[in-house]
Amino acid sequence: MAEVFAGFVVGFAFSIIVAPIGAIMLVRSSRETGMAQRFAPEGTNVVALAMVVHFGAFLVLTAVGMVMGLALHGIEARRPDGGLGSPNLVYTVLVLALVAALVVPMLLAPWRRFAVGAAMLAVLLFGWAVPWLAQAG
């Protein structure tokens, strides 16, 4: 089950990069637009809300990495063909499709630059790093 461990490592690395940036963006955008008050009750401390988002991102993105590792393990047993610079073409295309489905609705939001950057990083890490790391393991 090297794939699951690779997914865990990549998901944790992704959360280390994305979670602090997301928390900082939440605090900064709350000053200008009051975005945090839309998600939390009135009077909630924005920094405390950012910490909850930060720790939640660590848990969720690590779990997503493990699930993607399980998907890679299942696909690897049936379709181990490589392509697009990845050891498993079907898995990489699956990651590309999932990330596109999640990011396309966010392109109209004010944080579209962050969404596009995080999507490119997610495709790079989950689509290519997980298969290569699992193959090395």
Protein backbone atom coordinates (compact mmCIF):
# COMPACT_ATOMS: atom_id res chain seq x y z
CA MET A 1 0.00 0.00 0.00
CA ALA A 2 2.75 2.42 -0.94
CA GLU A 3 0.12 4.39 -2.87
CA VAL A 4 -1.85 5.27 0.28
CA PHE A 5 1.27 6.40 2.10
CA ALA A 6 2.32 8.44 -0.93
CA GLY A 7 -1.13 10.05 -0.93
CA PHE A 8 -0.82 10.80 2.77
CA VAL A 9 2.58 12.45 2.32
CA VAL A 10 1.50 14.49 -0.70
CA GLY A 11 -1.80 15.52 0.93
CA PHE A 12 0.05 16.68 4.02
CA ALA A 13 2.61 18.58 1.93
CA PHE A 14 -0.21 20.21 -0.05
CA SER A 15 -1.91 21.28 3.17
CA ILE A 16 1.33 22.75 4.51
CA ILE A 17 1.49 24.97 1.42
CA VAL A 18 -2.19 25.85 0.91
CA ALA A 19 -3.64 26.08 4.44
CA PRO A 20 -1.60 29.04 5.71
CA ILE A 21 -2.17 30.97 2.50
CA GLY A 22 -5.92 30.34 2.73
CA ALA A 23 -6.01 31.43 6.37
CA ILE A 24 -4.11 34.63 5.60
CA MET A 25 -6.42 35.35 2.67
CA LEU A 26 -9.45 34.86 4.94
CA VAL A 27 -8.12 37.35 7.48
CA ARG A 28 -7.17 39.92 4.81
CA SER A 29 -10.41 39.63 2.85
CA SER A 30 -12.45 39.89 6.04
CA ARG A 31 -11.07 43.36 6.66
CA GLU A 32 -12.13 44.55 3.22
CA THR A 33 -15.34 42.65 2.47
CA GLY A 34 -16.43 41.09 5.75
CA MET A 35 -16.33 37.64 4.19
CA ALA A 36 -15.75 35.84 7.51
CA GLN A 37 -19.03 37.17 8.91
CA ARG A 38 -20.90 35.34 6.14
CA PHE A 39 -19.58 31.99 7.38
CA ALA A 40 -19.53 32.52 11.14
CA PRO A 41 -21.84 34.15 13.68
CA GLU A 42 -21.54 37.85 14.35
CA GLY A 43 -18.70 38.67 16.72
CA THR A 44 -16.56 35.67 15.81
CA ASN A 45 -12.87 36.44 15.93
CA VAL A 46 -11.49 36.27 12.39
CA VAL A 47 -8.12 34.93 13.54
CA ALA A 48 -9.82 32.10 15.45
CA LEU A 49 -11.89 31.28 12.37
CA ALA A 50 -8.73 31.28 10.25
CA MET A 51 -7.12 28.81 12.66
CA VAL A 52 -10.13 26.50 12.40
CA VAL A 53 -9.91 26.68 8.59
CA HIS A 54 -6.16 26.07 8.80
CA PHE A 55 -6.42 22.94 10.97
CA GLY A 56 -9.44 21.70 9.03
CA ALA A 57 -7.46 21.97 5.81
CA PHE A 58 -4.70 19.83 7.31
CA LEU A 59 -7.16 17.08 8.18
CA VAL A 60 -9.20 17.23 4.98
CA LEU A 61 -6.32 17.49 2.52
CA THR A 62 -4.41 14.66 4.20
CA ALA A 63 -7.53 12.48 4.03
CA VAL A 64 -8.04 13.45 0.38
CA GLY A 65 -4.46 12.39 -0.30
CA MET A 66 -5.09 9.00 1.27
CA VAL A 67 -8.27 8.51 -0.76
CA MET A 68 -6.42 9.47 -3.93
CA GLY A 69 -3.74 6.93 -2.98
CA LEU A 70 -6.46 4.28 -2.68
CA ALA A 71 -7.78 5.29 -6.09
CA LEU A 72 -4.29 4.99 -7.53
CA HIS A 73 -3.93 1.55 -5.97
CA GLY A 74 -7.20 0.42 -7.54
CA ILE A 75 -6.40 1.88 -10.94
CA GLU A 76 -2.82 0.61 -10.89
CA ALA A 77 -4.04 -2.97 -10.54
CA ARG A 78 -6.17 -2.63 -13.69
CA ARG A 79 -4.53 0.03 -15.92
CA PRO A 80 -0.82 0.45 -15.19
CA ASP A 81 -0.09 2.34 -18.45
CA GLY A 82 1.94 5.53 -18.28
CA GLY A 83 1.51 8.78 -20.13
CA LEU A 84 1.64 12.57 -19.77
CA GLY A 85 4.82 12.18 -17.73
CA SER A 86 3.08 10.01 -15.16
CA PRO A 87 3.42 6.30 -14.49
CA ASN A 88 -0.38 5.97 -14.62
CA LEU A 89 -2.22 7.92 -17.33
CA VAL A 90 -5.75 7.00 -16.19
CA TYR A 91 -5.09 8.20 -12.64
CA THR A 92 -3.56 11.47 -13.84
CA VAL A 93 -6.54 12.15 -16.12
CA LEU A 94 -8.86 11.38 -13.18
CA VAL A 95 -7.02 13.93 -11.04
CA LEU A 96 -7.16 16.52 -13.84
CA ALA A 97 -10.93 16.00 -14.20
CA LEU A 98 -11.61 16.17 -10.45
CA VAL A 99 -9.58 19.33 -9.97
CA ALA A 100 -11.19 20.98 -13.01
CA ALA A 101 -14.65 20.12 -11.69
CA LEU A 102 -13.81 21.72 -8.35
CA VAL A 103 -12.08 24.84 -9.69
CA VAL A 104 -14.25 25.87 -12.64
CA PRO A 105 -17.10 27.16 -10.38
CA MET A 106 -14.56 29.19 -8.38
CA LEU A 107 -13.32 31.12 -11.40
CA LEU A 108 -16.02 33.74 -10.87
CA ALA A 109 -15.11 34.26 -7.21
CA PRO A 110 -12.85 37.08 -6.05
CA TRP A 111 -10.21 34.56 -4.95
CA ARG A 112 -9.82 33.06 -8.44
CA ARG A 113 -6.05 33.62 -8.50
CA PHE A 114 -5.65 31.53 -5.35
CA ALA A 115 -8.02 28.87 -6.74
CA VAL A 116 -6.11 28.57 -10.02
CA GLY A 117 -2.75 28.43 -8.22
CA ALA A 118 -3.99 25.82 -5.76
CA ALA A 119 -5.49 23.81 -8.62
CA MET A 120 -2.24 23.78 -10.55
CA LEU A 121 -0.38 22.72 -7.41
CA ALA A 122 -2.98 20.01 -6.69
CA VAL A 123 -2.68 18.59 -10.20
CA LEU A 124 1.09 18.63 -9.96
CA LEU A 125 1.20 16.99 -6.53
CA PHE A 126 -1.72 14.57 -6.72
CA GLY A 127 -1.54 13.84 -10.45
CA TRP A 128 2.19 13.35 -10.81
CA ALA A 129 3.91 13.25 -7.40
CA VAL A 130 1.66 10.55 -5.91
CA PRO A 131 2.26 8.00 -8.70
CA TRP A 132 5.98 8.67 -8.83
CA LEU A 133 6.34 8.55 -5.05
CA ALA A 134 4.28 5.34 -4.87
CA GLN A 135 6.41 3.78 -7.60
CA ALA A 136 9.59 4.75 -5.72
CA GLY A 137 8.18 3.22 -2.52
